[in-house]
Amino acid sequence: MSNPKWMVIANPKAGKNKVLEEWSQIDKALISAGIEFDAVFSKSKYHSIELSVKAVREGYRHLIAVGGDGTIHEVVNGIFFQKEVPPHEITLGVIPAGSGNDWVRMYNIPADYTTCAQIIASGHTKRQDICRVDVFESMVPQTRYLMNGCGIGLDAAICRECNSMKERGKEGKFIYVQAAARSFFKMRSSMFRIEVDGKLYFQGKALSVALANGVYSGGGMIQAPDAVMDDGLVNVTVIGNMTKPEILVRFKELFTGRIYDIPDIFHTTGKQVKIDILDGEQPIEVDGEVIGTNPLELTVLPKALNVCVR
């Protein structure tokens, strides 16, 4: 039997303990919006996946993720890992409290607790695409479900550097820019082979490949300005074998939406993408979390989840 209440799954450490410190404000905003809810706090990485699965098993069909993109990613994966009901029968609301907040930026959802609670209470939802991603971690197959996007190569190296900086206590608006700058000078190109919908799309040297469900990644980078979250397609952006001086000159275009104006940028869309690297391994990130290495296979699940939007 379904539970009419919302289950709030909060990451107390998100935004450098912001959720924990401001929980009274979040609680007040939800109550003021007339939302009946229960709440649980994650205790460790991946715990929100477990909490999400448990909530659905206990009858909750309305979940709220409180935290950053990583928290949203974990809650979504719990929704898709559980076997109680089809994922599209679950509704997900989000209260952003992280440092990146790329998914909410796509829907113009502000980092304001009162407004977010009112959006959830309004009942306005949208069915958005989710992508299934299959990769390898320590030679063991892994499956993840993404809300926003994933990347391999430079894209993932930036996420890894950013997460490392956060673990060392660094935060702030420009942390992603700093991580990108550091990663550029360490990165080398690799020999990529990319298939889109069963056909060879690209084979050659490249720095990075981004697969985007949403427009934004890495705290505001725009690697897929044409991405639409409910069109049944994933946007593929390949950053070719550019030199470091070329990258530095064009770096700002990653944030202006003019990335397609850069020479050696290749882009297309598709329903299924397979990527391998022919001369070694590169890290893969999904929704900002580094989860494994190549090969990668992505499949779009059209309009697979109800999300609360403006």
C-alpha atoms as a PDB file:
ATOM      1  CA  MET A   1       0.000   0.000   0.000  1.00  0.00           C
ATOM      2  CA  SER A   2       1.402   3.383  -0.984  1.00  0.00           C
ATOM      3  CA  ASN A   3       2.180   6.052   1.581  1.00  0.00           C
ATOM      4  CA  PRO A   4       0.696   9.494   0.760  1.00  0.00           C
ATOM      5  CA  LYS A   5       3.577  11.278   2.502  1.00  0.00           C
ATOM      6  CA  TRP A   6       6.793  12.426   0.868  1.00  0.00           C
ATOM      7  CA  MET A   7      10.055  10.853   1.961  1.00  0.00           C
ATOM      8  CA  VAL A   8      12.845  13.417   2.259  1.00  0.00           C
ATOM      9  CA  ILE A   9      16.336  11.964   1.753  1.00  0.00           C
ATOM     10  CA  ALA A  10      18.925  14.525   2.848  1.00  0.00           C
ATOM     11  CA  ASN A  11      22.700  14.517   2.654  1.00  0.00           C
ATOM     12  CA  PRO A  12      23.814  16.435   5.781  1.00  0.00           C
ATOM     13  CA  LYS A  13      27.328  16.955   4.386  1.00  0.00           C
ATOM     14  CA  ALA A  14      26.215  18.503   1.079  1.00  0.00           C
ATOM     15  CA  GLY A  15      27.522  21.995   0.438  1.00  0.00           C
ATOM     16  CA  LYS A  16      30.139  21.689   3.184  1.00  0.00           C
ATOM     17  CA  ASN A  17      27.577  20.674   5.858  1.00  0.00           C
ATOM     18  CA  LYS A  18      25.081  23.240   4.583  1.00  0.00           C
ATOM     19  CA  VAL A  19      22.120  20.855   4.817  1.00  0.00           C
ATOM     20  CA  LEU A  20      22.863  19.987   8.435  1.00  0.00           C
ATOM     21  CA  GLU A  21      23.398  23.612   9.433  1.00  0.00           C
ATOM     22  CA  GLU A  22      20.290  24.856   7.635  1.00  0.00           C
ATOM     23  CA  TRP A  23      17.975  21.910   8.204  1.00  0.00           C
ATOM     24  CA  SER A  24      15.615  23.973  10.360  1.00  0.00           C
ATOM     25  CA  GLN A  25      15.078  26.325   7.400  1.00  0.00           C
ATOM     26  CA  ILE A  26      14.453  23.424   5.012  1.00  0.00           C
ATOM     27  CA  ASP A  27      12.054  21.793   7.476  1.00  0.00           C
ATOM     28  CA  LYS A  28      10.164  25.073   7.915  1.00  0.00           C
ATOM     29  CA  ALA A  29       9.922  25.626   4.143  1.00  0.00           C
ATOM     30  CA  LEU A  30       8.442  22.160   3.571  1.00  0.00           C
ATOM     31  CA  ILE A  31       5.916  22.535   6.397  1.00  0.00           C
ATOM     32  CA  SER A  32       4.924  26.035   5.245  1.00  0.00           C
ATOM     33  CA  ALA A  33       4.281  24.666   1.734  1.00  0.00           C
ATOM     34  CA  GLY A  34       1.844  22.139   3.197  1.00  0.00           C
ATOM     35  CA  ILE A  35       3.991  19.109   2.423  1.00  0.00           C
ATOM     36  CA  GLU A  36       3.495  16.103   4.705  1.00  0.00           C
ATOM     37  CA  PHE A  37       6.775  14.257   4.954  1.00  0.00           C
ATOM     38  CA  ASP A  38       9.113  11.969   6.813  1.00  0.00           C
ATOM     39  CA  ALA A  39      12.857  12.550   6.651  1.00  0.00           C
ATOM     40  CA  VAL A  40      16.051  10.504   6.785  1.00  0.00           C
ATOM     41  CA  PHE A  41      19.708  11.532   6.596  1.00  0.00           C
ATOM     42  CA  SER A  42      22.386   9.681   4.686  1.00  0.00           C
ATOM     43  CA  LYS A  43      25.423   8.606   6.687  1.00  0.00           C
ATOM     44  CA  SER A  44      27.939   7.799   3.966  1.00  0.00           C
ATOM     45  CA  LYS A  45      28.578   7.744   0.245  1.00  0.00           C
ATOM     46  CA  TYR A  46      25.971   5.652  -1.616  1.00  0.00           C
ATOM     47  CA  HIS A  47      23.757   5.490   1.486  1.00  0.00           C
ATOM     48  CA  SER A  48      21.107   7.577  -0.287  1.00  0.00           C
ATOM     49  CA  ILE A  49      20.746   4.754  -2.833  1.00  0.00           C
ATOM     50  CA  GLU A  50      19.886   2.371  -0.013  1.00  0.00           C
ATOM     51  CA  LEU A  51      17.536   4.880   1.618  1.00  0.00           C
ATOM     52  CA  SER A  52      15.736   5.443  -1.683  1.00  0.00           C
ATOM     53  CA  VAL A  53      15.219   1.721  -2.269  1.00  0.00           C
ATOM     54  CA  LYS A  54      13.987   1.299   1.302  1.00  0.00           C
ATOM     55  CA  ALA A  55      11.539   4.204   0.979  1.00  0.00           C
ATOM     56  CA  VAL A  56       9.905   2.730  -2.126  1.00  0.00           C
ATOM     57  CA  ARG A  57       9.683  -0.697  -0.492  1.00  0.00           C
ATOM     58  CA  GLU A  58       7.909   0.934   2.458  1.00  0.00           C
ATOM     59  CA  GLY A  59       5.297   2.420   0.144  1.00  0.00           C
ATOM     60  CA  TYR A  60       6.591   5.936  -0.499  1.00  0.00           C
ATOM     61  CA  ARG A  61       5.941   7.064  -4.058  1.00  0.00           C
ATOM     62  CA  HIS A  62       7.053  10.679  -3.630  1.00  0.00           C
ATOM     63  CA  LEU A  63      10.712  11.340  -2.790  1.00  0.00           C
ATOM     64  CA  ILE A  64      12.620  14.573  -2.199  1.00  0.00           C
ATOM     65  CA  ALA A  65      16.407  14.690  -2.582  1.00  0.00           C
ATOM     66  CA  VAL A  66      18.116  17.379  -0.498  1.00  0.00           C
ATOM     67  CA  GLY A  67      21.741  17.938  -1.476  1.00  0.00           C
ATOM     68  CA  GLY A  68      23.870  18.362  -4.563  1.00  0.00           C
ATOM     69  CA  ASP A  69      24.032  16.569  -7.903  1.00  0.00           C
ATOM     70  CA  GLY A  70      25.638  13.550  -6.212  1.00  0.00           C
ATOM     71  CA  THR A  71      22.713  13.189  -3.814  1.00  0.00           C
ATOM     72  CA  ILE A  72      20.205  13.462  -6.666  1.00  0.00           C
ATOM     73  CA  HIS A  73      22.178  10.826  -8.571  1.00  0.00           C
ATOM     74  CA  GLU A  74      22.056   8.391  -5.655  1.00  0.00           C
ATOM     75  CA  VAL A  75      18.327   8.835  -5.037  1.00  0.00           C
ATOM     76  CA  VAL A  76      17.588   8.325  -8.741  1.00  0.00           C
ATOM     77  CA  ASN A  77      19.676   5.160  -8.783  1.00  0.00           C
ATOM     78  CA  GLY A  78      17.736   3.836  -5.811  1.00  0.00           C
ATOM     79  CA  ILE A  79      14.497   4.490  -7.705  1.00  0.00           C
ATOM     80  CA  PHE A  80      15.761   2.469 -10.660  1.00  0.00           C
ATOM     81  CA  PHE A  81      17.411  -0.316  -8.635  1.00  0.00           C
ATOM     82  CA  GLN A  82      14.246  -1.058  -6.658  1.00  0.00           C
ATOM     83  CA  LYS A  83      11.844  -3.645  -8.096  1.00  0.00           C
ATOM     84  CA  GLU A  84       8.617  -2.764  -6.264  1.00  0.00           C
ATOM     85  CA  VAL A  85       7.087  -0.502  -8.931  1.00  0.00           C
ATOM     86  CA  PRO A  86       8.063   0.886 -12.341  1.00  0.00           C
ATOM     87  CA  PRO A  87      10.275   3.974 -11.859  1.00  0.00           C
ATOM     88  CA  HIS A  88       7.820   6.226 -13.708  1.00  0.00           C
ATOM     89  CA  GLU A  89       5.353   5.697 -10.849  1.00  0.00           C
ATOM     90  CA  ILE A  90       7.733   7.572  -8.537  1.00  0.00           C
ATOM     91  CA  THR A  91       7.809  11.375  -8.355  1.00  0.00           C
ATOM     92  CA  LEU A  92      11.073  13.107  -7.458  1.00  0.00           C
ATOM     93  CA  GLY A  93      11.396  16.588  -6.016  1.00  0.00           C
ATOM     94  CA  VAL A  94      14.724  18.332  -5.406  1.00  0.00           C
ATOM     95  CA  ILE A  95      15.942  20.916  -2.928  1.00  0.00           C
ATOM     96  CA  PRO A  96      19.435  21.908  -4.132  1.00  0.00           C
ATOM     97  CA  ALA A  97      22.116  22.422  -1.518  1.00  0.00           C
ATOM     98  CA  GLY A  98      25.332  21.408  -3.258  1.00  0.00           C
ATOM     99  CA  SER A  99      28.109  23.300  -4.977  1.00  0.00           C
ATOM    100  CA  GLY A 100      27.361  22.341  -8.594  1.00  0.00           C
ATOM    101  CA  ASN A 101      23.574  22.082  -8.888  1.00  0.00           C
ATOM    102  CA  ASP A 102      23.703  21.440 -12.636  1.00  0.00           C
ATOM    103  CA  TRP A 103      20.405  19.569 -12.890  1.00  0.00           C
ATOM    104  CA  VAL A 104      18.293  22.259 -11.198  1.00  0.00           C
ATOM    105  CA  ARG A 105      19.987  24.927 -13.336  1.00  0.00           C
ATOM    106  CA  MET A 106      18.494  23.229 -16.405  1.00  0.00           C
ATOM    107  CA  TYR A 107      14.989  23.709 -15.020  1.00  0.00           C
ATOM    108  CA  ASN A 108      15.666  27.166 -13.582  1.00  0.00           C
ATOM    109  CA  ILE A 109      15.007  25.939 -10.039  1.00  0.00           C
ATOM    110  CA  PRO A 110      16.641  28.379  -7.581  1.00  0.00           C
ATOM    111  CA  ALA A 111      18.686  27.453  -4.531  1.00  0.00           C
ATOM    112  CA  ASP A 112      15.958  28.883  -2.319  1.00  0.00           C
ATOM    113  CA  TYR A 113      14.280  26.514   0.107  1.00  0.00           C
ATOM    114  CA  THR A 114      10.903  28.275   0.165  1.00  0.00           C
ATOM    115  CA  THR A 115      10.615  28.434  -3.625  1.00  0.00           C
ATOM    116  CA  CYS A 116      11.741  24.806  -4.037  1.00  0.00           C
ATOM    117  CA  ALA A 117       9.162  23.613  -1.507  1.00  0.00           C
ATOM    118  CA  GLN A 118       6.435  25.573  -3.309  1.00  0.00           C
ATOM    119  CA  ILE A 119       7.470  24.030  -6.641  1.00  0.00           C
ATOM    120  CA  ILE A 120       7.170  20.547  -5.129  1.00  0.00           C
ATOM    121  CA  ALA A 121       3.827  21.361  -3.485  1.00  0.00           C
ATOM    122  CA  SER A 122       2.398  22.748  -6.761  1.00  0.00           C
ATOM    123  CA  GLY A 123       2.243  19.255  -8.225  1.00  0.00           C
ATOM    124  CA  HIS A 124       3.690  20.406 -11.552  1.00  0.00           C
ATOM    125  CA  THR A 125       5.757  17.526 -12.918  1.00  0.00           C
ATOM    126  CA  LYS A 126       7.536  16.526 -16.090  1.00  0.00           C
ATOM    127  CA  ARG A 127       8.529  13.133 -17.425  1.00  0.00           C
ATOM    128  CA  GLN A 128      12.225  13.321 -18.257  1.00  0.00           C
ATOM    129  CA  ASP A 129      14.620  10.890 -19.881  1.00  0.00           C
ATOM    130  CA  ILE A 130      17.008   8.841 -17.791  1.00  0.00           C
ATOM    131  CA  CYS A 131      20.076   7.125 -19.238  1.00  0.00           C
ATOM    132  CA  ARG A 132      21.378   3.730 -18.248  1.00  0.00           C
ATOM    133  CA  VAL A 133      25.190   3.628 -18.208  1.00  0.00           C
ATOM    134  CA  ASP A 134      27.210   0.405 -18.112  1.00  0.00           C
ATOM    135  CA  VAL A 135      30.924   0.647 -17.260  1.00  0.00           C
ATOM    136  CA  PHE A 136      33.650  -1.343 -15.504  1.00  0.00           C
ATOM    137  CA  GLU A 137      35.079  -0.762 -12.030  1.00  0.00           C
ATOM    138  CA  SER A 138      38.085  -2.920 -11.103  1.00  0.00           C
ATOM    139  CA  MET A 139      37.135  -5.121 -14.078  1.00  0.00           C
ATOM    140  CA  VAL A 140      33.654  -5.704 -12.624  1.00  0.00           C
ATOM    141  CA  PRO A 141      30.607  -4.581 -14.673  1.00  0.00           C
ATOM    142  CA  GLN A 142      28.667  -1.715 -13.064  1.00  0.00           C
ATOM    143  CA  THR A 143      25.337  -0.136 -13.985  1.00  0.00           C
ATOM    144  CA  ARG A 144      24.320   3.423 -13.137  1.00  0.00           C
ATOM    145  CA  TYR A 145      21.412   5.651 -14.073  1.00  0.00           C
ATOM    146  CA  LEU A 146      22.056   9.291 -14.865  1.00  0.00           C
ATOM    147  CA  MET A 147      19.837  12.345 -14.609  1.00  0.00           C
ATOM    148  CA  ASN A 148      22.122  14.897 -16.174  1.00  0.00           C
ATOM    149  CA  GLY A 149      25.191  13.593 -17.975  1.00  0.00           C
ATOM    150  CA  CYS A 150      28.402  11.618 -18.008  1.00  0.00           C
ATOM    151  CA  GLY A 151      31.833  11.897 -19.528  1.00  0.00           C
ATOM    152  CA  ILE A 152      35.052  10.049 -20.208  1.00  0.00           C
ATOM    153  CA  GLY A 153      38.564  11.435 -20.389  1.00  0.00           C
ATOM    154  CA  LEU A 154      39.127  15.093 -19.551  1.00  0.00           C
ATOM    155  CA  ASP A 155      35.518  15.527 -18.426  1.00  0.00           C
ATOM    156  CA  ALA A 156      35.931  12.821 -15.784  1.00  0.00           C
ATOM    157  CA  ALA A 157      39.407  14.029 -14.819  1.00  0.00           C
ATOM    158  CA  ILE A 158      37.924  17.435 -13.978  1.00  0.00           C
ATOM    159  CA  CYS A 159      35.285  15.793 -11.769  1.00  0.00           C
ATOM    160  CA  ARG A 160      37.932  13.692 -10.034  1.00  0.00           C
ATOM    161  CA  GLU A 161      40.071  16.760  -9.341  1.00  0.00           C
ATOM    162  CA  CYS A 162      37.049  18.728  -8.141  1.00  0.00           C
ATOM    163  CA  ASN A 163      35.973  15.951  -5.770  1.00  0.00           C
ATOM    164  CA  SER A 164      39.534  15.730  -4.453  1.00  0.00           C
ATOM    165  CA  MET A 165      39.529  19.476  -3.768  1.00  0.00           C
ATOM    166  CA  LYS A 166      36.214  19.181  -1.914  1.00  0.00           C
ATOM    167  CA  GLU A 167      37.621  16.375   0.239  1.00  0.00           C
ATOM    168  CA  ARG A 168      40.450  18.733   1.182  1.00  0.00           C
ATOM    169  CA  GLY A 169      37.874  21.263   2.378  1.00  0.00           C
ATOM    170  CA  LYS A 170      37.862  23.579  -0.628  1.00  0.00           C
ATOM    171  CA  GLU A 171      34.517  25.023  -1.734  1.00  0.00           C
ATOM    172  CA  GLY A 172      33.252  28.034  -3.595  1.00  0.00           C
ATOM    173  CA  LYS A 173      31.790  29.245  -6.853  1.00  0.00           C
ATOM    174  CA  PHE A 174      34.976  28.769  -8.885  1.00  0.00           C
ATOM    175  CA  ILE A 175      36.057  25.351  -7.655  1.00  0.00           C
ATOM    176  CA  TYR A 176      35.067  23.728 -10.972  1.00  0.00           C
ATOM    177  CA  VAL A 177      37.060  26.305 -12.944  1.00  0.00           C
ATOM    178  CA  GLN A 178      40.111  25.629 -10.785  1.00  0.00           C
ATOM    179  CA  ALA A 179      39.674  21.873 -11.191  1.00  0.00           C
ATOM    180  CA  ALA A 180      39.359  22.258 -14.971  1.00  0.00           C
ATOM    181  CA  ALA A 181      42.508  24.374 -15.177  1.00  0.00           C
ATOM    182  CA  ARG A 182      44.522  21.844 -13.166  1.00  0.00           C
ATOM    183  CA  SER A 183      43.214  18.895 -15.172  1.00  0.00           C
ATOM    184  CA  PHE A 184      43.980  20.477 -18.546  1.00  0.00           C
ATOM    185  CA  PHE A 185      47.713  20.487 -17.859  1.00  0.00           C
ATOM    186  CA  LYS A 186      47.769  16.866 -16.716  1.00  0.00           C
ATOM    187  CA  MET A 187      45.572  15.400 -19.441  1.00  0.00           C
ATOM    188  CA  ARG A 188      46.688  13.562 -22.557  1.00  0.00           C
ATOM    189  CA  SER A 189      44.665  12.612 -25.595  1.00  0.00           C
ATOM    190  CA  SER A 190      43.551   9.029 -26.177  1.00  0.00           C
ATOM    191  CA  MET A 191      42.435   6.957 -29.156  1.00  0.00           C
ATOM    192  CA  PHE A 192      38.635   6.874 -28.937  1.00  0.00           C
ATOM    193  CA  ARG A 193      36.193   4.654 -30.803  1.00  0.00           C
ATOM    194  CA  ILE A 194      32.591   5.884 -30.594  1.00  0.00           C
ATOM    195  CA  GLU A 195      29.500   4.164 -31.976  1.00  0.00           C
ATOM    196  CA  VAL A 196      26.143   5.953 -32.047  1.00  0.00           C
ATOM    197  CA  ASP A 197      23.003   3.899 -32.698  1.00  0.00           C
ATOM    198  CA  GLY A 198      25.061   0.998 -34.000  1.00  0.00           C
ATOM    199  CA  LYS A 199      27.166   2.996 -36.462  1.00  0.00           C
ATOM    200  CA  LEU A 200      30.770   4.173 -36.141  1.00  0.00           C
ATOM    201  CA  TYR A 201      30.652   7.920 -35.474  1.00  0.00           C
ATOM    202  CA  PHE A 202      34.218   8.791 -34.465  1.00  0.00           C
ATOM    203  CA  GLN A 203      37.557   7.048 -34.268  1.00  0.00           C
ATOM    204  CA  GLY A 204      40.692   9.004 -33.532  1.00  0.00           C
ATOM    205  CA  LYS A 205      42.607  11.009 -30.968  1.00  0.00           C
ATOM    206  CA  ALA A 206      40.487  13.083 -28.576  1.00  0.00           C
ATOM    207  CA  LEU A 207      40.722  14.609 -25.128  1.00  0.00           C
ATOM    208  CA  SER A 208      37.220  13.984 -23.891  1.00  0.00           C
ATOM    209  CA  VAL A 209      33.690  12.871 -24.668  1.00  0.00           C
ATOM    210  CA  ALA A 210      30.607  14.222 -22.907  1.00  0.00           C
ATOM    211  CA  LEU A 211      27.236  12.470 -23.088  1.00  0.00           C
ATOM    212  CA  ALA A 212      24.594  14.945 -22.013  1.00  0.00           C
ATOM    213  CA  ASN A 213      20.976  14.623 -21.030  1.00  0.00           C
ATOM    214  CA  GLY A 214      21.048  18.216 -19.756  1.00  0.00           C
ATOM    215  CA  VAL A 215      22.794  21.384 -20.889  1.00  0.00           C
ATOM    216  CA  TYR A 216      25.024  21.995 -17.865  1.00  0.00           C
ATOM    217  CA  SER A 217      27.839  20.046 -16.233  1.00  0.00           C
ATOM    218  CA  GLY A 218      30.771  20.723 -13.948  1.00  0.00           C
ATOM    219  CA  GLY A 219      29.129  23.562 -12.054  1.00  0.00           C
ATOM    220  CA  GLY A 220      27.945  25.515 -15.099  1.00  0.00           C
ATOM    221  CA  MET A 221      29.987  24.313 -18.075  1.00  0.00           C
ATOM    222  CA  ILE A 222      27.884  24.091 -21.237  1.00  0.00           C
ATOM    223  CA  GLN A 223      29.125  21.123 -23.238  1.00  0.00           C
ATOM    224  CA  ALA A 224      25.762  20.406 -24.859  1.00  0.00           C
ATOM    225  CA  PRO A 225      23.899  23.693 -25.477  1.00  0.00           C
ATOM    226  CA  ASP A 226      21.199  21.942 -27.532  1.00  0.00           C
ATOM    227  CA  ALA A 227      20.409  19.208 -25.007  1.00  0.00           C
ATOM    228  CA  VAL A 228      16.758  18.555 -24.136  1.00  0.00           C
ATOM    229  CA  MET A 229      15.863  16.331 -21.200  1.00  0.00           C
ATOM    230  CA  ASP A 230      12.761  14.741 -22.704  1.00  0.00           C
ATOM    231  CA  ASP A 231      13.535  14.248 -26.401  1.00  0.00           C
ATOM    232  CA  GLY A 232      14.588  10.594 -26.138  1.00  0.00           C
ATOM    233  CA  LEU A 233      18.141  11.434 -27.226  1.00  0.00           C
ATOM    234  CA  VAL A 234      21.519  11.945 -25.587  1.00  0.00           C
ATOM    235  CA  ASN A 235      23.843  14.655 -26.904  1.00  0.00           C
ATOM    236  CA  VAL A 236      27.374  13.533 -27.756  1.00  0.00           C
ATOM    237  CA  THR A 237      30.173  16.131 -27.673  1.00  0.00           C
ATOM    238  CA  VAL A 238      33.719  15.129 -28.590  1.00  0.00           C
ATOM    239  CA  ILE A 239      36.619  17.443 -27.744  1.00  0.00           C
ATOM    240  CA  GLY A 240      39.206  16.489 -30.347  1.00  0.00           C
ATOM    241  CA  ASN A 241      42.975  16.366 -30.165  1.00  0.00           C
ATOM    242  CA  MET A 242      43.525  20.040 -29.293  1.00  0.00           C
ATOM    243  CA  THR A 243      46.806  21.476 -28.081  1.00  0.00           C
ATOM    244  CA  LYS A 244      47.076  23.056 -24.639  1.00  0.00           C
ATOM    245  CA  PRO A 245      47.429  26.592 -26.083  1.00  0.00           C
ATOM    246  CA  GLU A 246      44.286  26.015 -28.175  1.00  0.00           C
ATOM    247  CA  ILE A 247      42.419  24.855 -25.091  1.00  0.00           C
ATOM    248  CA  LEU A 248      43.464  27.891 -23.075  1.00  0.00           C
ATOM    249  CA  VAL A 249      42.381  30.281 -25.826  1.00  0.00           C
ATOM    250  CA  ARG A 250      38.990  28.574 -26.158  1.00  0.00           C
ATOM    251  CA  PHE A 251      38.432  27.711 -22.497  1.00  0.00           C
ATOM    252  CA  LYS A 252      35.817  30.420 -21.919  1.00  0.00           C
ATOM    253  CA  GLU A 253      33.585  28.921 -24.626  1.00  0.00           C
ATOM    254  CA  LEU A 254      32.884  26.010 -22.272  1.00  0.00           C
ATOM    255  CA  PHE A 255      30.817  28.458 -20.223  1.00  0.00           C
ATOM    256  CA  THR A 256      29.245  30.620 -22.949  1.00  0.00           C
ATOM    257  CA  GLY A 257      27.269  28.007 -24.879  1.00  0.00           C
ATOM    258  CA  ARG A 258      29.459  28.498 -27.964  1.00  0.00           C
ATOM    259  CA  ILE A 259      31.417  25.260 -27.705  1.00  0.00           C
ATOM    260  CA  TYR A 260      30.277  24.165 -31.171  1.00  0.00           C
ATOM    261  CA  ASP A 261      32.122  27.161 -32.648  1.00  0.00           C
ATOM    262  CA  ILE A 262      35.441  25.632 -31.602  1.00  0.00           C
ATOM    263  CA  PRO A 263      37.396  23.736 -34.288  1.00  0.00           C
ATOM    264  CA  ASP A 264      37.927  20.066 -33.462  1.00  0.00           C
ATOM    265  CA  ILE A 265      34.603  19.815 -31.626  1.00  0.00           C
ATOM    266  CA  PHE A 266      32.315  17.073 -32.948  1.00  0.00           C
ATOM    267  CA  HIS A 267      28.699  16.677 -31.868  1.00  0.00           C
ATOM    268  CA  THR A 268      25.692  14.518 -32.622  1.00  0.00           C
ATOM    269  CA  THR A 269      22.729  12.881 -30.868  1.00  0.00           C
ATOM    270  CA  GLY A 270      21.553   9.299 -30.480  1.00  0.00           C
ATOM    271  CA  LYS A 271      19.596   6.754 -28.471  1.00  0.00           C
ATOM    272  CA  GLN A 272      22.492   4.429 -27.734  1.00  0.00           C
ATOM    273  CA  VAL A 273      26.211   5.176 -27.479  1.00  0.00           C
ATOM    274  CA  LYS A 274      29.196   2.867 -27.085  1.00  0.00           C
ATOM    275  CA  ILE A 275      32.641   4.250 -26.265  1.00  0.00           C
ATOM    276  CA  ASP A 276      35.964   2.504 -25.899  1.00  0.00           C
ATOM    277  CA  ILE A 277      39.543   3.704 -25.719  1.00  0.00           C
ATOM    278  CA  LEU A 278      41.925   1.695 -27.847  1.00  0.00           C
ATOM    279  CA  ASP A 279      45.170   2.685 -26.139  1.00  0.00           C
ATOM    280  CA  GLY A 280      44.418   2.353 -22.419  1.00  0.00           C
ATOM    281  CA  GLU A 281      41.919   3.282 -19.739  1.00  0.00           C
ATOM    282  CA  GLN A 282      40.357   6.607 -18.832  1.00  0.00           C
ATOM    283  CA  PRO A 283      38.064   7.497 -15.904  1.00  0.00           C
ATOM    284  CA  ILE A 284      34.307   7.833 -16.392  1.00  0.00           C
ATOM    285  CA  GLU A 285      32.059  10.177 -14.444  1.00  0.00           C
ATOM    286  CA  VAL A 286      28.288   9.960 -14.125  1.00  0.00           C
ATOM    287  CA  ASP A 287      26.454  13.015 -12.760  1.00  0.00           C
ATOM    288  CA  GLY A 288      29.772  14.271 -11.411  1.00  0.00           C
ATOM    289  CA  GLU A 289      30.757  11.029  -9.649  1.00  0.00           C
ATOM    290  CA  VAL A 290      33.774   9.086 -10.947  1.00  0.00           C
ATOM    291  CA  ILE A 291      32.577   5.481 -11.072  1.00  0.00           C
ATOM    292  CA  GLY A 292      34.856   3.394 -13.272  1.00  0.00           C
ATOM    293  CA  THR A 293      36.659   3.082 -16.595  1.00  0.00           C
ATOM    294  CA  ASN A 294      36.010   2.215 -20.238  1.00  0.00           C
ATOM    295  CA  PRO A 295      34.371   0.638 -22.108  1.00  0.00           C
ATOM    296  CA  LEU A 296      31.111   2.542 -21.692  1.00  0.00           C
ATOM    297  CA  GLU A 297      27.659   1.804 -23.046  1.00  0.00           C
ATOM    298  CA  LEU A 298      24.762   4.248 -22.658  1.00  0.00           C
ATOM    299  CA  THR A 299      21.090   3.664 -23.438  1.00  0.00           C
ATOM    300  CA  VAL A 300      18.405   6.356 -23.255  1.00  0.00           C
ATOM    301  CA  LEU A 301      15.259   5.442 -21.290  1.00  0.00           C
ATOM    302  CA  PRO A 302      12.694   7.907 -22.688  1.00  0.00           C
ATOM    303  CA  LYS A 303      10.546   9.836 -20.210  1.00  0.00           C
ATOM    304  CA  ALA A 304      11.346   7.338 -17.486  1.00  0.00           C
ATOM    305  CA  LEU A 305      10.922   9.479 -14.342  1.00  0.00           C
ATOM    306  CA  ASN A 306       8.503  12.114 -13.016  1.00  0.00           C
ATOM    307  CA  VAL A 307      10.319  15.183 -11.692  1.00  0.00           C
ATOM    308  CA  CYS A 308       8.925  18.291  -9.995  1.00  0.00           C
ATOM    309  CA  VAL A 309       9.632  21.421 -12.047  1.00  0.00           C
ATOM    310  CA  ARG A 310       8.426  25.009 -12.296  1.00  0.00           C
END
